[in-house]
Amino acid sequence: MMQKNKEQADLWQSEFGAAITVIDRDFTIVYMNEKSAATNAKWGGAALLGKDIRACHQERSVRIIERILEIGEPNTYTIEKQGVRKLIHQAPWRDHGVIMGVVEISIELPAQMPHYVRG
């Protein structure tokens, strides 16, 4: 891969239209894209980088993340907050097969969304 293409490939997530938050095995936030920082602005936004997520998550949520770190199975669900529906997908990220942390992608869903069943 040429260097210019590699740089572009590494930067796609910054302005991606869904919130992307990454934690390491110690529950420390190691990455937030712009949408994640904006979504979490009232809790500190980008200042949350380097913070432990256990301080702001319920015990149930912490247990789910512990399970993802332990067995590597993703957790996917939908929520609604203040009239906004979201799809939340939490999955492990790996380095050479070793689970290193969890990536959470939060996608805002339109009120009316088509659903297709294909072959």
C-alpha atoms as a PDB file:
ATOM      1  CA  MET A   1       0.000   0.000   0.000  1.00  0.00           C
ATOM      2  CA  MET A   2       1.356   3.426  -0.874  1.00  0.00           C
ATOM      3  CA  GLN A   3       1.925   5.820   2.028  1.00  0.00           C
ATOM      4  CA  LYS A   4      -0.756   8.289   0.917  1.00  0.00           C
ATOM      5  CA  ASN A   5      -3.360   5.536   0.754  1.00  0.00           C
ATOM      6  CA  LYS A   6      -2.262   4.190   4.145  1.00  0.00           C
ATOM      7  CA  GLU A   7      -2.702   7.638   5.717  1.00  0.00           C
ATOM      8  CA  GLN A   8      -6.166   7.913   4.187  1.00  0.00           C
ATOM      9  CA  ALA A   9      -7.049   4.436   5.404  1.00  0.00           C
ATOM     10  CA  ASP A  10      -5.903   5.322   8.923  1.00  0.00           C
ATOM     11  CA  LEU A  11      -7.964   8.544   9.026  1.00  0.00           C
ATOM     12  CA  TRP A  12     -11.370   7.391   7.781  1.00  0.00           C
ATOM     13  CA  GLN A  13     -12.801   6.956  11.276  1.00  0.00           C
ATOM     14  CA  SER A  14     -12.155  10.526  12.462  1.00  0.00           C
ATOM     15  CA  GLU A  15     -15.100  12.077  10.610  1.00  0.00           C
ATOM     16  CA  PHE A  16     -17.151   8.890  10.221  1.00  0.00           C
ATOM     17  CA  GLY A  17     -20.884   9.515  10.713  1.00  0.00           C
ATOM     18  CA  ALA A  18     -21.223   7.169  13.688  1.00  0.00           C
ATOM     19  CA  ALA A  19     -19.659   7.418  17.137  1.00  0.00           C
ATOM     20  CA  ILE A  20     -16.599   5.192  17.513  1.00  0.00           C
ATOM     21  CA  THR A  21     -15.112   4.669  20.968  1.00  0.00           C
ATOM     22  CA  VAL A  22     -12.232   2.302  21.698  1.00  0.00           C
ATOM     23  CA  ILE A  23     -11.080   1.008  25.062  1.00  0.00           C
ATOM     24  CA  ASP A  24      -8.144  -1.187  26.017  1.00  0.00           C
ATOM     25  CA  ARG A  25      -8.129  -4.213  28.325  1.00  0.00           C
ATOM     26  CA  ASP A  26      -7.824  -1.900  31.333  1.00  0.00           C
ATOM     27  CA  PHE A  27     -11.146  -0.211  30.430  1.00  0.00           C
ATOM     28  CA  THR A  28      -9.285   2.965  29.485  1.00  0.00           C
ATOM     29  CA  ILE A  29     -10.626   5.032  26.586  1.00  0.00           C
ATOM     30  CA  VAL A  30      -7.842   5.088  24.009  1.00  0.00           C
ATOM     31  CA  TYR A  31      -9.727   6.545  21.034  1.00  0.00           C
ATOM     32  CA  MET A  32     -12.831   8.614  20.321  1.00  0.00           C
ATOM     33  CA  ASN A  33     -13.733   9.950  16.910  1.00  0.00           C
ATOM     34  CA  GLU A  34     -15.343  13.379  16.513  1.00  0.00           C
ATOM     35  CA  LYS A  35     -18.897  11.985  16.725  1.00  0.00           C
ATOM     36  CA  SER A  36     -18.070  10.057  19.913  1.00  0.00           C
ATOM     37  CA  ALA A  37     -16.565  13.154  21.534  1.00  0.00           C
ATOM     38  CA  ALA A  38     -19.626  15.214  20.555  1.00  0.00           C
ATOM     39  CA  THR A  39     -22.044  12.517  21.768  1.00  0.00           C
ATOM     40  CA  ASN A  40     -20.244  12.397  25.117  1.00  0.00           C
ATOM     41  CA  ALA A  41     -19.733  16.170  25.420  1.00  0.00           C
ATOM     42  CA  LYS A  42     -21.789  16.553  28.601  1.00  0.00           C
ATOM     43  CA  TRP A  43     -19.501  14.011  30.313  1.00  0.00           C
ATOM     44  CA  GLY A  44     -16.302  15.654  29.094  1.00  0.00           C
ATOM     45  CA  GLY A  45     -16.090  14.792  25.381  1.00  0.00           C
ATOM     46  CA  ALA A  46     -12.527  14.336  24.164  1.00  0.00           C
ATOM     47  CA  ALA A  47     -11.295  14.936  27.730  1.00  0.00           C
ATOM     48  CA  LEU A  48     -12.522  11.405  28.465  1.00  0.00           C
ATOM     49  CA  LEU A  49      -9.501  10.005  26.603  1.00  0.00           C
ATOM     50  CA  GLY A  50      -7.358   8.174  29.127  1.00  0.00           C
ATOM     51  CA  LYS A  51     -10.279   7.780  31.562  1.00  0.00           C
ATOM     52  CA  ASP A  52     -11.628   4.487  32.916  1.00  0.00           C
ATOM     53  CA  ILE A  53     -15.129   3.792  31.587  1.00  0.00           C
ATOM     54  CA  ARG A  54     -16.106   1.934  34.743  1.00  0.00           C
ATOM     55  CA  ALA A  55     -16.490   5.297  36.475  1.00  0.00           C
ATOM     56  CA  CYS A  56     -19.433   6.219  34.232  1.00  0.00           C
ATOM     57  CA  HIS A  57     -21.053   2.868  33.404  1.00  0.00           C
ATOM     58  CA  GLN A  58     -23.505   0.769  35.363  1.00  0.00           C
ATOM     59  CA  GLU A  59     -22.329  -2.554  36.781  1.00  0.00           C
ATOM     60  CA  ARG A  60     -24.365  -4.453  34.153  1.00  0.00           C
ATOM     61  CA  SER A  61     -22.556  -2.640  31.332  1.00  0.00           C
ATOM     62  CA  VAL A  62     -19.166  -3.346  32.903  1.00  0.00           C
ATOM     63  CA  ARG A  63     -20.022  -7.068  33.107  1.00  0.00           C
ATOM     64  CA  ILE A  64     -20.959  -7.103  29.408  1.00  0.00           C
ATOM     65  CA  ILE A  65     -17.633  -5.515  28.475  1.00  0.00           C
ATOM     66  CA  GLU A  66     -15.782  -7.980  30.723  1.00  0.00           C
ATOM     67  CA  ARG A  67     -17.512 -10.810  28.841  1.00  0.00           C
ATOM     68  CA  ILE A  68     -16.497  -9.372  25.460  1.00  0.00           C
ATOM     69  CA  LEU A  69     -12.898  -9.130  26.678  1.00  0.00           C
ATOM     70  CA  GLU A  70     -13.019 -12.688  28.028  1.00  0.00           C
ATOM     71  CA  ILE A  71     -14.709 -14.645  25.239  1.00  0.00           C
ATOM     72  CA  GLY A  72     -14.555 -12.290  22.270  1.00  0.00           C
ATOM     73  CA  GLU A  73     -18.231 -12.381  21.304  1.00  0.00           C
ATOM     74  CA  PRO A  74     -19.740  -9.068  20.197  1.00  0.00           C
ATOM     75  CA  ASN A  75     -22.753  -7.450  21.853  1.00  0.00           C
ATOM     76  CA  THR A  76     -25.304  -5.706  19.621  1.00  0.00           C
ATOM     77  CA  TYR A  77     -28.548  -3.993  20.584  1.00  0.00           C
ATOM     78  CA  THR A  78     -30.720  -0.952  19.939  1.00  0.00           C
ATOM     79  CA  ILE A  79     -31.620   1.844  22.344  1.00  0.00           C
ATOM     80  CA  GLU A  80     -33.683   5.002  22.347  1.00  0.00           C
ATOM     81  CA  LYS A  81     -32.566   8.121  24.227  1.00  0.00           C
ATOM     82  CA  GLN A  82     -34.405  11.433  24.060  1.00  0.00           C
ATOM     83  CA  GLY A  83     -36.309  10.269  20.977  1.00  0.00           C
ATOM     84  CA  VAL A  84     -33.176   9.176  19.072  1.00  0.00           C
ATOM     85  CA  ARG A  85     -32.905   5.493  18.162  1.00  0.00           C
ATOM     86  CA  LYS A  86     -29.425   3.989  17.973  1.00  0.00           C
ATOM     87  CA  LEU A  87     -27.823   0.719  17.019  1.00  0.00           C
ATOM     88  CA  ILE A  88     -24.965  -0.116  19.399  1.00  0.00           C
ATOM     89  CA  HIS A  89     -22.353  -2.659  18.347  1.00  0.00           C
ATOM     90  CA  GLN A  90     -19.585  -3.581  20.773  1.00  0.00           C
ATOM     91  CA  ALA A  91     -16.895  -5.961  19.557  1.00  0.00           C
ATOM     92  CA  PRO A  92     -13.386  -6.955  20.558  1.00  0.00           C
ATOM     93  CA  TRP A  93     -10.372  -5.619  18.687  1.00  0.00           C
ATOM     94  CA  ARG A  94      -7.411  -7.904  18.364  1.00  0.00           C
ATOM     95  CA  ASP A  95      -3.697  -7.815  17.694  1.00  0.00           C
ATOM     96  CA  HIS A  96      -2.418 -11.064  16.178  1.00  0.00           C
ATOM     97  CA  GLY A  97      -5.482 -12.885  17.543  1.00  0.00           C
ATOM     98  CA  VAL A  98      -5.154 -11.557  21.108  1.00  0.00           C
ATOM     99  CA  ILE A  99      -8.094  -9.503  22.411  1.00  0.00           C
ATOM    100  CA  MET A 100      -6.708  -6.049  23.198  1.00  0.00           C
ATOM    101  CA  GLY A 101      -9.911  -4.136  23.983  1.00  0.00           C
ATOM    102  CA  VAL A 102     -13.395  -3.263  22.777  1.00  0.00           C
ATOM    103  CA  VAL A 103     -14.667  -1.037  19.985  1.00  0.00           C
ATOM    104  CA  GLU A 104     -18.135   0.475  20.341  1.00  0.00           C
ATOM    105  CA  ILE A 105     -19.882   1.858  17.285  1.00  0.00           C
ATOM    106  CA  SER A 106     -23.074   3.838  17.908  1.00  0.00           C
ATOM    107  CA  ILE A 107     -25.168   4.542  14.815  1.00  0.00           C
ATOM    108  CA  GLU A 108     -28.178   6.868  14.903  1.00  0.00           C
ATOM    109  CA  LEU A 109     -31.131   5.216  13.171  1.00  0.00           C
ATOM    110  CA  PRO A 110     -33.734   7.114  11.169  1.00  0.00           C
ATOM    111  CA  ALA A 111     -37.317   7.014  12.480  1.00  0.00           C
ATOM    112  CA  GLN A 112     -38.420   5.200   9.339  1.00  0.00           C
ATOM    113  CA  MET A 113     -35.912   2.698   8.068  1.00  0.00           C
ATOM    114  CA  PRO A 114     -36.466   0.144   5.329  1.00  0.00           C
ATOM    115  CA  HIS A 115     -35.745  -3.489   6.092  1.00  0.00           C
ATOM    116  CA  TYR A 116     -34.962  -5.945   3.298  1.00  0.00           C
ATOM    117  CA  VAL A 117     -34.797  -9.701   3.356  1.00  0.00           C
ATOM    118  CA  ARG A 118     -32.423 -10.917   0.677  1.00  0.00           C
ATOM    119  CA  GLY A 119     -31.668 -14.334  -0.756  1.00  0.00           C
END
